């Protein structure tokens, strides 16, 4: 017989007795969370932050894109009531990083925005406050938010994306939206 971690190993022991990670009875796997329920929960949290930040008409939309033989409807974003802005909420297990996946998601958001500013909000695992979530946007849109440059002055999307904490960006987003509503 061999000693491993002060546990006698022999024919009467099974593999789950080995190692310090299982000291008690075998536990069942953690309960899985429905992806739709998780997305709804984070979209609602985003709406609450937007309302507190001055977007009183912000609301979660229940709309998905579809296409059939006679008609087509595009997904127009996850949040309504934010003039000039198109929010897409992404609640992933990992944070988005620059690369092919983020570029594909941003390209889809740009199509869905249809002339509005495409914004991707990425839920950050382990950061309870939605103000700490990441906001991804094109660098040309960041310049537009910060400098208050007119829309016609901005070049088309050049592929460079930047991320900002949502809490930092909200005052600039509200100012931009207000400029569109009131001439």
N, C-alpha and C. Protein backbone atom coordinates (compact mmCIF):
# COMPACT_ATOMS: atom_id res chain seq x y z
N UNK A 1 0.83 -1.18 0.00
CA UNK A 1 0.00 0.00 0.00
C UNK A 1 0.88 1.25 0.00
N UNK A 2 0.35 2.32 -0.60
CA UNK A 2 1.07 3.58 -0.75
C UNK A 2 0.36 4.67 0.03
N UNK A 3 1.14 5.59 0.58
CA UNK A 3 0.55 6.73 1.30
C UNK A 3 0.55 7.95 0.37
N UNK A 4 -0.61 8.60 0.20
CA UNK A 4 -0.73 9.83 -0.57
C UNK A 4 -1.56 10.80 0.26
N UNK A 5 -0.98 11.94 0.63
CA UNK A 5 -1.69 12.96 1.39
C UNK A 5 -2.34 12.37 2.65
N UNK A 6 -1.65 11.50 3.32
CA UNK A 6 -2.13 10.86 4.54
C UNK A 6 -3.39 10.03 4.32
N UNK A 7 -3.63 9.59 3.12
CA UNK A 7 -4.75 8.72 2.82
C UNK A 7 -4.19 7.40 2.34
N UNK A 8 -4.63 6.31 2.90
CA UNK A 8 -4.16 5.01 2.48
C UNK A 8 -4.82 4.65 1.16
N UNK A 9 -4.00 4.30 0.18
CA UNK A 9 -4.52 3.96 -1.13
C UNK A 9 -4.34 2.47 -1.35
N UNK A 10 -5.36 1.84 -1.74
CA UNK A 10 -5.32 0.41 -2.01
C UNK A 10 -6.56 0.02 -2.77
N UNK A 11 -6.82 -1.25 -2.88
CA UNK A 11 -7.99 -1.69 -3.66
C UNK A 11 -9.31 -1.24 -3.06
N UNK A 12 -9.34 -0.94 -1.74
CA UNK A 12 -10.59 -0.52 -1.12
C UNK A 12 -10.88 0.96 -1.32
N UNK A 13 -9.94 1.74 -1.87
CA UNK A 13 -10.12 3.17 -2.10
C UNK A 13 -10.39 3.43 -3.58
N UNK A 14 -11.11 4.52 -3.86
CA UNK A 14 -11.36 4.91 -5.24
C UNK A 14 -10.65 6.22 -5.52
N UNK A 15 -10.63 6.62 -6.77
CA UNK A 15 -9.89 7.80 -7.20
C UNK A 15 -10.32 9.06 -6.47
N UNK A 16 -11.61 9.18 -6.08
CA UNK A 16 -12.07 10.43 -5.48
C UNK A 16 -11.59 10.61 -4.04
N UNK A 17 -10.94 9.62 -3.48
CA UNK A 17 -10.36 9.78 -2.16
C UNK A 17 -8.99 10.44 -2.23
N UNK A 18 -8.40 10.56 -3.42
CA UNK A 18 -7.07 11.11 -3.55
C UNK A 18 -7.11 12.63 -3.58
N UNK A 19 -6.11 13.23 -3.04
CA UNK A 19 -5.95 14.68 -3.15
C UNK A 19 -6.70 15.46 -2.10
N UNK A 20 -6.22 16.66 -1.82
CA UNK A 20 -6.82 17.50 -0.79
C UNK A 20 -8.08 18.22 -1.23
N UNK A 21 -8.43 18.18 -2.52
CA UNK A 21 -9.57 18.95 -3.00
C UNK A 21 -10.90 18.33 -2.63
N UNK A 22 -10.93 17.04 -2.32
CA UNK A 22 -12.17 16.41 -1.89
C UNK A 22 -11.95 15.82 -0.50
N UNK A 23 -12.36 16.52 0.52
CA UNK A 23 -12.14 16.02 1.86
C UNK A 23 -13.43 15.45 2.45
N UNK A 24 -14.54 15.77 1.85
CA UNK A 24 -15.82 15.28 2.34
C UNK A 24 -16.52 14.48 1.28
N UNK A 25 -17.81 14.34 1.40
CA UNK A 25 -18.55 13.59 0.38
C UNK A 25 -18.51 14.32 -0.96
N UNK A 26 -18.66 13.57 -2.03
CA UNK A 26 -18.65 14.15 -3.36
C UNK A 26 -19.87 15.05 -3.52
N UNK A 27 -19.63 16.26 -3.98
CA UNK A 27 -20.70 17.23 -4.15
C UNK A 27 -21.17 17.22 -5.60
N UNK A 28 -22.43 17.57 -5.79
CA UNK A 28 -22.95 17.63 -7.15
C UNK A 28 -22.40 18.86 -7.86
N UNK A 29 -22.49 18.84 -9.17
CA UNK A 29 -21.99 19.96 -9.98
C UNK A 29 -22.81 21.20 -9.66
N UNK A 30 -22.19 22.40 -9.79
CA UNK A 30 -22.95 23.62 -9.53
C UNK A 30 -24.11 23.77 -10.52
N UNK A 31 -25.16 24.43 -10.05
CA UNK A 31 -26.34 24.62 -10.88
C UNK A 31 -26.02 25.56 -12.04
N UNK A 32 -26.41 25.18 -13.24
CA UNK A 32 -26.17 26.01 -14.41
C UNK A 32 -27.20 27.11 -14.50
N UNK A 33 -26.77 28.26 -14.97
CA UNK A 33 -27.67 29.40 -15.11
C UNK A 33 -28.09 29.48 -16.57
N UNK A 34 -29.36 29.65 -16.80
CA UNK A 34 -29.90 29.79 -18.14
C UNK A 34 -29.33 31.06 -18.77
N UNK A 35 -28.75 30.94 -19.96
CA UNK A 35 -28.12 32.09 -20.62
C UNK A 35 -29.12 33.21 -20.88
N UNK A 36 -30.34 32.87 -21.24
CA UNK A 36 -31.35 33.90 -21.49
C UNK A 36 -31.67 34.67 -20.21
N UNK A 37 -31.81 33.95 -19.11
CA UNK A 37 -32.11 34.61 -17.83
C UNK A 37 -30.96 35.51 -17.42
N UNK A 38 -29.73 35.05 -17.64
CA UNK A 38 -28.57 35.85 -17.29
C UNK A 38 -28.53 37.13 -18.13
N UNK A 39 -28.78 37.01 -19.43
CA UNK A 39 -28.78 38.18 -20.31
C UNK A 39 -29.84 39.18 -19.90
N UNK A 40 -31.04 38.70 -19.57
CA UNK A 40 -32.12 39.59 -19.14
C UNK A 40 -31.74 40.33 -17.86
N UNK A 41 -31.14 39.60 -16.93
CA UNK A 41 -30.77 40.21 -15.65
C UNK A 41 -29.76 41.34 -15.86
N UNK A 42 -28.77 41.11 -16.71
CA UNK A 42 -27.75 42.14 -16.94
C UNK A 42 -28.30 43.29 -17.77
N UNK A 43 -29.19 43.02 -18.70
CA UNK A 43 -29.82 44.10 -19.46
C UNK A 43 -30.66 44.98 -18.54
N UNK A 44 -31.36 44.37 -17.60
CA UNK A 44 -32.15 45.16 -16.64
C UNK A 44 -31.25 46.02 -15.77
N UNK A 45 -30.12 45.46 -15.36
CA UNK A 45 -29.16 46.23 -14.55
C UNK A 45 -28.61 47.41 -15.36
N UNK A 46 -28.36 47.20 -16.65
CA UNK A 46 -27.89 48.28 -17.52
C UNK A 46 -28.95 49.36 -17.63
N UNK A 47 -30.20 48.97 -17.79
CA UNK A 47 -31.29 49.94 -17.88
C UNK A 47 -31.37 50.77 -16.60
N UNK A 48 -31.23 50.14 -15.46
CA UNK A 48 -31.30 50.88 -14.19
C UNK A 48 -30.18 51.91 -14.10
N UNK A 49 -28.97 51.54 -14.51
CA UNK A 49 -27.85 52.49 -14.49
C UNK A 49 -28.11 53.64 -15.46
N UNK A 50 -28.65 53.33 -16.62
CA UNK A 50 -28.95 54.38 -17.60
C UNK A 50 -30.02 55.34 -17.06
N UNK A 51 -31.03 54.80 -16.39
CA UNK A 51 -32.08 55.66 -15.83
C UNK A 51 -31.52 56.58 -14.76
N UNK A 52 -30.68 56.06 -13.90
CA UNK A 52 -30.06 56.88 -12.86
C UNK A 52 -29.16 57.94 -13.48
N UNK A 53 -28.59 57.66 -14.64
CA UNK A 53 -27.68 58.59 -15.31
C UNK A 53 -28.40 59.62 -16.17
N UNK A 54 -29.72 59.60 -16.18
CA UNK A 54 -30.46 60.63 -16.90
C UNK A 54 -31.23 60.15 -18.11
N UNK A 55 -31.10 58.90 -18.48
CA UNK A 55 -31.87 58.36 -19.61
C UNK A 55 -33.18 57.83 -19.06
N UNK A 56 -34.11 58.72 -18.78
CA UNK A 56 -35.37 58.35 -18.12
C UNK A 56 -36.21 57.39 -18.95
N UNK A 57 -36.08 57.45 -20.28
CA UNK A 57 -36.89 56.61 -21.15
C UNK A 57 -36.23 55.28 -21.49
N UNK A 58 -35.07 55.00 -20.92
CA UNK A 58 -34.36 53.75 -21.24
C UNK A 58 -35.20 52.55 -20.82
N UNK A 59 -35.25 51.56 -21.71
CA UNK A 59 -35.99 50.34 -21.42
C UNK A 59 -35.39 49.19 -22.21
N UNK A 60 -35.50 48.03 -21.65
CA UNK A 60 -35.01 46.82 -22.30
C UNK A 60 -35.97 46.46 -23.43
N UNK A 61 -35.43 46.11 -24.59
CA UNK A 61 -36.29 45.71 -25.70
C UNK A 61 -36.30 44.20 -25.81
N UNK A 62 -37.43 43.69 -26.20
CA UNK A 62 -37.57 42.25 -26.42
C UNK A 62 -37.81 42.09 -27.91
N UNK A 63 -36.69 42.06 -28.63
CA UNK A 63 -36.81 42.03 -30.09
C UNK A 63 -35.57 41.33 -30.62
N UNK A 64 -35.79 40.44 -31.54
CA UNK A 64 -34.67 39.78 -32.19
C UNK A 64 -34.85 39.90 -33.69
N UNK A 65 -33.78 39.84 -34.40
CA UNK A 65 -33.86 39.92 -35.86
C UNK A 65 -34.40 38.61 -36.43
N UNK A 66 -35.08 38.72 -37.56
CA UNK A 66 -35.56 37.52 -38.24
C UNK A 66 -35.68 37.81 -39.73
N UNK A 67 -35.76 36.76 -40.49
CA UNK A 67 -35.94 36.89 -41.93
C UNK A 67 -36.77 35.70 -42.41
N UNK A 68 -37.77 36.00 -43.22
CA UNK A 68 -38.51 34.93 -43.89
C UNK A 68 -38.71 35.34 -45.34
N UNK A 69 -39.52 34.60 -46.07
CA UNK A 69 -39.67 34.85 -47.50
C UNK A 69 -40.25 36.22 -47.81
N UNK A 70 -41.10 36.76 -46.94
CA UNK A 70 -41.79 38.01 -47.24
C UNK A 70 -41.24 39.23 -46.52
N UNK A 71 -40.63 39.05 -45.39
CA UNK A 71 -40.22 40.21 -44.60
C UNK A 71 -38.90 39.95 -43.86
N UNK A 72 -38.31 41.02 -43.41
CA UNK A 72 -37.07 40.93 -42.65
C UNK A 72 -37.08 42.02 -41.58
N UNK A 73 -36.65 41.66 -40.38
CA UNK A 73 -36.53 42.63 -39.29
C UNK A 73 -35.15 42.46 -38.68
N UNK A 74 -34.47 43.56 -38.50
CA UNK A 74 -33.14 43.52 -37.91
C UNK A 74 -33.24 43.70 -36.40
N UNK A 75 -32.28 43.09 -35.71
CA UNK A 75 -32.14 43.32 -34.27
C UNK A 75 -31.59 44.74 -34.12
N UNK A 76 -32.30 45.60 -33.43
CA UNK A 76 -31.92 47.01 -33.33
C UNK A 76 -31.27 47.37 -32.01
N UNK A 77 -30.74 46.38 -31.29
CA UNK A 77 -30.08 46.66 -30.03
C UNK A 77 -30.88 46.16 -28.85
N UNK A 78 -30.26 46.16 -27.68
CA UNK A 78 -30.88 45.63 -26.48
C UNK A 78 -31.64 46.67 -25.67
N UNK A 79 -31.33 47.94 -25.84
CA UNK A 79 -31.90 49.00 -25.02
C UNK A 79 -32.50 50.08 -25.93
N UNK A 80 -33.72 50.49 -25.63
CA UNK A 80 -34.38 51.60 -26.32
C UNK A 80 -34.43 52.81 -25.39
N UNK A 81 -34.78 53.97 -25.96
CA UNK A 81 -34.94 55.16 -25.16
C UNK A 81 -33.64 55.92 -24.91
N UNK A 82 -32.64 55.64 -25.74
CA UNK A 82 -31.35 56.34 -25.65
C UNK A 82 -31.06 56.92 -27.03
N UNK A 83 -31.55 58.12 -27.32
CA UNK A 83 -31.43 58.70 -28.66
C UNK A 83 -29.98 58.75 -29.15
N UNK A 84 -29.79 58.25 -30.37
CA UNK A 84 -28.47 58.29 -31.00
C UNK A 84 -27.52 57.20 -30.55
N UNK A 85 -27.94 56.36 -29.60
CA UNK A 85 -27.06 55.32 -29.06
C UNK A 85 -27.70 53.95 -29.25
N UNK A 86 -26.89 52.97 -29.57
CA UNK A 86 -27.36 51.59 -29.74
C UNK A 86 -26.53 50.69 -28.83
N UNK A 87 -27.13 50.22 -27.74
CA UNK A 87 -26.44 49.38 -26.76
C UNK A 87 -26.62 47.91 -27.08
N UNK A 88 -25.53 47.16 -27.04
CA UNK A 88 -25.56 45.71 -27.10
C UNK A 88 -24.91 45.19 -25.83
N UNK A 89 -25.64 44.43 -25.04
CA UNK A 89 -25.13 43.88 -23.78
C UNK A 89 -24.53 42.50 -24.03
N UNK A 90 -23.33 42.27 -23.56
CA UNK A 90 -22.68 40.98 -23.67
C UNK A 90 -22.31 40.51 -22.27
N UNK A 91 -22.95 39.44 -21.83
CA UNK A 91 -22.68 38.86 -20.51
C UNK A 91 -21.97 37.53 -20.73
N UNK A 92 -20.67 37.58 -20.87
CA UNK A 92 -19.87 36.39 -21.15
C UNK A 92 -19.13 35.96 -19.89
N UNK A 93 -18.67 34.71 -19.90
CA UNK A 93 -17.89 34.22 -18.76
C UNK A 93 -16.54 34.90 -18.67
N UNK A 94 -16.03 35.34 -19.80
CA UNK A 94 -14.74 36.03 -19.83
C UNK A 94 -14.95 37.42 -20.41
N UNK A 95 -14.01 38.29 -20.16
CA UNK A 95 -14.10 39.63 -20.72
C UNK A 95 -13.70 39.62 -22.19
N UNK A 96 -14.31 40.50 -22.95
CA UNK A 96 -13.93 40.65 -24.35
C UNK A 96 -12.54 41.26 -24.44
N UNK A 97 -11.76 40.78 -25.37
CA UNK A 97 -10.44 41.34 -25.63
C UNK A 97 -10.35 41.66 -27.12
N UNK A 98 -9.51 42.62 -27.48
CA UNK A 98 -9.39 42.95 -28.90
C UNK A 98 -8.99 41.72 -29.71
N UNK A 99 -9.63 41.56 -30.84
CA UNK A 99 -9.36 40.42 -31.70
C UNK A 99 -10.54 40.13 -32.60
N UNK A 100 -10.52 38.97 -33.19
CA UNK A 100 -11.51 38.59 -34.19
C UNK A 100 -12.92 38.58 -33.60
N UNK A 101 -13.09 38.01 -32.41
CA UNK A 101 -14.43 37.90 -31.81
C UNK A 101 -15.01 39.28 -31.54
N UNK A 102 -14.24 40.15 -30.91
CA UNK A 102 -14.72 41.50 -30.62
C UNK A 102 -15.01 42.26 -31.91
N UNK A 103 -14.16 42.12 -32.91
CA UNK A 103 -14.40 42.79 -34.19
C UNK A 103 -15.70 42.33 -34.83
N UNK A 104 -15.97 41.03 -34.76
CA UNK A 104 -17.21 40.49 -35.33
C UNK A 104 -18.42 41.02 -34.57
N UNK A 105 -18.35 41.04 -33.25
CA UNK A 105 -19.44 41.55 -32.44
C UNK A 105 -19.67 43.03 -32.73
N UNK A 106 -18.60 43.79 -32.85
CA UNK A 106 -18.74 45.23 -33.11
C UNK A 106 -19.29 45.48 -34.52
N UNK A 107 -18.87 44.69 -35.50
CA UNK A 107 -19.42 44.84 -36.85
C UNK A 107 -20.92 44.57 -36.86
N UNK A 108 -21.37 43.56 -36.11
CA UNK A 108 -22.81 43.28 -36.01
C UNK A 108 -23.52 44.44 -35.33
N UNK A 109 -22.91 44.98 -34.29
CA UNK A 109 -23.53 46.11 -33.57
C UNK A 109 -23.63 47.34 -34.47
N UNK A 110 -22.62 47.54 -35.32
CA UNK A 110 -22.64 48.68 -36.24
C UNK A 110 -23.79 48.56 -37.23
N UNK A 111 -24.03 47.36 -37.73
CA UNK A 111 -25.15 47.13 -38.65
C UNK A 111 -26.48 47.37 -37.93
N UNK A 112 -26.58 46.86 -36.70
CA UNK A 112 -27.81 47.02 -35.92
C UNK A 112 -28.06 48.47 -35.55
N UNK A 113 -26.99 49.24 -35.38
CA UNK A 113 -27.13 50.64 -34.96
C UNK A 113 -27.83 51.48 -36.01
N UNK A 114 -27.64 51.18 -37.27
CA UNK A 114 -28.31 51.89 -38.36
C UNK A 114 -28.21 53.41 -38.20
N UNK A 115 -26.99 53.92 -38.14
CA UNK A 115 -26.78 55.35 -38.05
C UNK A 115 -26.59 55.88 -36.64
N UNK A 116 -26.94 55.07 -35.66
CA UNK A 116 -26.71 55.48 -34.27
C UNK A 116 -25.29 55.05 -33.85
N UNK A 117 -24.86 55.46 -32.69
CA UNK A 117 -23.53 55.10 -32.21
C UNK A 117 -23.57 53.69 -31.61
N UNK A 118 -22.82 52.74 -32.19
CA UNK A 118 -22.83 51.37 -31.65
C UNK A 118 -21.96 51.27 -30.39
N UNK A 119 -22.54 50.70 -29.34
CA UNK A 119 -21.85 50.55 -28.07
C UNK A 119 -22.03 49.12 -27.57
N UNK A 120 -20.95 48.50 -27.17
CA UNK A 120 -21.00 47.15 -26.61
C UNK A 120 -20.67 47.26 -25.12
N UNK A 121 -21.57 46.78 -24.29
CA UNK A 121 -21.34 46.76 -22.85
C UNK A 121 -21.00 45.33 -22.48
N UNK A 122 -19.84 45.14 -21.86
CA UNK A 122 -19.36 43.82 -21.48
C UNK A 122 -19.39 43.68 -19.96
N UNK A 123 -20.24 42.79 -19.48
CA UNK A 123 -20.31 42.51 -18.05
C UNK A 123 -18.97 41.97 -17.58
N UNK A 124 -18.47 42.50 -16.49
CA UNK A 124 -17.20 42.05 -15.93
C UNK A 124 -17.46 41.11 -14.77
N UNK A 125 -17.03 39.88 -14.91
CA UNK A 125 -17.22 38.88 -13.86
C UNK A 125 -16.45 39.34 -12.61
N UNK A 126 -17.11 39.31 -11.48
CA UNK A 126 -16.47 39.67 -10.23
C UNK A 126 -16.55 41.15 -9.90
N UNK A 127 -17.17 41.94 -10.76
CA UNK A 127 -17.36 43.37 -10.50
C UNK A 127 -18.86 43.61 -10.36
N UNK A 128 -19.32 43.67 -9.13
CA UNK A 128 -20.74 43.75 -8.86
C UNK A 128 -21.43 44.96 -9.45
N UNK A 129 -20.82 46.10 -9.38
CA UNK A 129 -21.47 47.31 -9.86
C UNK A 129 -21.41 47.38 -11.38
N UNK A 130 -22.54 47.67 -11.97
CA UNK A 130 -22.56 47.80 -13.43
C UNK A 130 -21.79 49.03 -13.90
N UNK A 131 -21.48 49.95 -13.01
CA UNK A 131 -20.65 51.10 -13.39
C UNK A 131 -19.22 50.66 -13.72
N UNK A 132 -18.82 49.48 -13.26
CA UNK A 132 -17.48 48.96 -13.53
C UNK A 132 -17.42 48.06 -14.76
N UNK A 133 -18.53 47.88 -15.45
CA UNK A 133 -18.52 47.08 -16.67
C UNK A 133 -17.77 47.83 -17.76
N UNK A 134 -17.29 47.10 -18.76
CA UNK A 134 -16.58 47.72 -19.88
C UNK A 134 -17.56 48.19 -20.95
N UNK A 135 -17.27 49.34 -21.50
CA UNK A 135 -18.00 49.87 -22.66
C UNK A 135 -17.01 49.91 -23.81
N UNK A 136 -17.30 49.18 -24.88
CA UNK A 136 -16.45 49.16 -26.08
C UNK A 136 -17.08 50.06 -27.13
N UNK A 137 -16.28 50.91 -27.74
CA UNK A 137 -16.75 51.76 -28.82
C UNK A 137 -15.59 52.08 -29.74
N UNK A 138 -15.93 52.52 -30.95
CA UNK A 138 -14.90 52.90 -31.91
C UNK A 138 -14.20 54.16 -31.46
N UNK A 139 -12.93 54.26 -31.80
CA UNK A 139 -12.15 55.42 -31.38
C UNK A 139 -12.74 56.71 -31.96
N UNK A 140 -13.31 56.65 -33.16
CA UNK A 140 -13.92 57.85 -33.74
C UNK A 140 -15.13 58.29 -32.93
N UNK A 141 -15.85 57.33 -32.32
CA UNK A 141 -16.99 57.69 -31.48
C UNK A 141 -16.54 58.24 -30.14
N UNK A 142 -15.43 57.73 -29.63
CA UNK A 142 -14.88 58.29 -28.39
C UNK A 142 -14.47 59.75 -28.60
N UNK A 143 -13.83 60.02 -29.73
CA UNK A 143 -13.44 61.41 -30.04
C UNK A 143 -14.69 62.28 -30.16
N UNK A 144 -15.72 61.74 -30.78
CA UNK A 144 -16.96 62.49 -30.94
C UNK A 144 -17.60 62.80 -29.59
N UNK A 145 -17.54 61.85 -28.66
CA UNK A 145 -18.12 62.08 -27.34
C UNK A 145 -17.35 63.14 -26.56
N UNK A 146 -16.04 63.04 -26.60
CA UNK A 146 -15.20 63.91 -25.77
C UNK A 146 -15.09 65.32 -26.33
N UNK A 147 -14.98 65.44 -27.65
CA UNK A 147 -14.76 66.76 -28.25
C UNK A 147 -16.04 67.43 -28.71
N UNK A 148 -17.14 66.71 -28.67
CA UNK A 148 -18.42 67.22 -29.16
C UNK A 148 -18.35 67.60 -30.64
N UNK A 149 -17.55 66.85 -31.39
CA UNK A 149 -17.43 67.10 -32.84
C UNK A 149 -18.74 66.71 -33.53
N UNK A 150 -19.10 67.41 -34.59
CA UNK A 150 -20.33 67.06 -35.31
C UNK A 150 -20.20 65.70 -35.97
N UNK A 151 -21.34 65.03 -36.14
CA UNK A 151 -21.38 63.68 -36.70
C UNK A 151 -20.78 63.63 -38.10
N UNK A 152 -21.04 64.62 -38.94
CA UNK A 152 -20.58 64.58 -40.33
C UNK A 152 -19.06 64.67 -40.42
N UNK A 153 -18.40 65.11 -39.35
CA UNK A 153 -16.96 65.25 -39.37
C UNK A 153 -16.24 63.92 -39.15
N UNK A 154 -16.95 62.96 -38.59
CA UNK A 154 -16.32 61.69 -38.23
C UNK A 154 -16.12 60.79 -39.45
N UNK A 155 -14.98 60.14 -39.49
CA UNK A 155 -14.68 59.19 -40.56
C UNK A 155 -15.43 57.89 -40.28
N UNK A 156 -15.63 57.07 -41.31
CA UNK A 156 -16.27 55.77 -41.08
C UNK A 156 -15.38 54.90 -40.19
N UNK A 157 -15.98 53.84 -39.65
CA UNK A 157 -15.28 52.96 -38.71
C UNK A 157 -13.97 52.46 -39.29
N UNK A 158 -12.89 52.72 -38.58
CA UNK A 158 -11.58 52.32 -39.04
C UNK A 158 -11.06 51.05 -38.40
N UNK A 159 -11.82 50.45 -37.52
CA UNK A 159 -11.43 49.18 -36.94
C UNK A 159 -10.81 49.27 -35.55
N UNK A 160 -10.45 50.46 -35.11
CA UNK A 160 -9.84 50.59 -33.78
C UNK A 160 -10.93 50.72 -32.72
N UNK A 161 -10.88 49.86 -31.73
CA UNK A 161 -11.85 49.90 -30.64
C UNK A 161 -11.16 50.24 -29.34
N UNK A 162 -11.84 50.94 -28.49
CA UNK A 162 -11.32 51.28 -27.17
C UNK A 162 -12.35 50.85 -26.13
N UNK A 163 -11.85 50.57 -24.94
CA UNK A 163 -12.78 50.24 -23.86
C UNK A 163 -12.62 51.24 -22.74
N UNK A 164 -13.76 51.57 -22.14
CA UNK A 164 -13.84 52.56 -21.08
C UNK A 164 -14.77 51.99 -20.01
N UNK A 165 -14.52 52.32 -18.77
CA UNK A 165 -15.48 51.93 -17.74
C UNK A 165 -16.80 52.62 -18.02
N UNK A 166 -17.88 51.89 -17.91
CA UNK A 166 -19.21 52.43 -18.20
C UNK A 166 -19.50 53.66 -17.34
N UNK A 167 -19.12 53.62 -16.08
CA UNK A 167 -19.37 54.76 -15.19
C UNK A 167 -18.69 56.03 -15.64
N UNK A 168 -17.49 55.91 -16.25
CA UNK A 168 -16.79 57.09 -16.77
C UNK A 168 -17.46 57.63 -18.01
N UNK A 169 -18.01 56.77 -18.83
CA UNK A 169 -18.56 57.19 -20.13
C UNK A 169 -19.97 57.74 -20.04
N UNK A 170 -20.73 57.39 -19.02
CA UNK A 170 -22.14 57.78 -18.96
C UNK A 170 -22.40 59.28 -19.08
N UNK A 171 -21.66 60.15 -18.39
CA UNK A 171 -21.94 61.59 -18.57
C UNK A 171 -21.72 62.05 -20.01
N UNK A 172 -20.72 61.52 -20.67
CA UNK A 172 -20.45 61.89 -22.07
C UNK A 172 -21.54 61.35 -22.99
N UNK A 173 -22.01 60.13 -22.72
CA UNK A 173 -23.09 59.56 -23.53
C UNK A 173 -24.37 60.37 -23.36
N UNK A 174 -24.66 60.80 -22.15
CA UNK A 174 -25.87 61.59 -21.90
C UNK A 174 -25.77 62.95 -22.61
N UNK A 175 -24.60 63.57 -22.54
CA UNK A 175 -24.39 64.86 -23.21
C UNK A 175 -24.57 64.71 -24.72
N UNK A 176 -24.00 63.67 -25.28
CA UNK A 176 -24.12 63.41 -26.72
C UNK A 176 -25.59 63.21 -27.10
N UNK A 177 -26.29 62.41 -26.34
CA UNK A 177 -27.71 62.14 -26.64
C UNK A 177 -28.55 63.40 -26.52
N UNK A 178 -28.26 64.22 -25.52
CA UNK A 178 -29.00 65.48 -25.35
C UNK A 178 -28.76 66.42 -26.51
N UNK A 179 -27.54 66.44 -27.06
CA UNK A 179 -27.25 67.30 -28.21
C UNK A 179 -28.07 66.88 -29.43
N UNK A 180 -28.37 65.60 -29.55
CA UNK A 180 -29.16 65.12 -30.68
C UNK A 180 -30.63 65.49 -30.53
N UNK A 181 -31.11 65.47 -29.30
CA UNK A 181 -32.54 65.72 -29.05
C UNK A 181 -32.84 67.21 -29.09
N UNK A 182 -32.01 68.02 -28.47
CA UNK A 182 -32.25 69.46 -28.45
C UNK A 182 -31.24 70.17 -29.36
N UNK A 183 -31.73 70.83 -30.41
CA UNK A 183 -30.80 71.48 -31.35
C UNK A 183 -30.12 72.70 -30.76
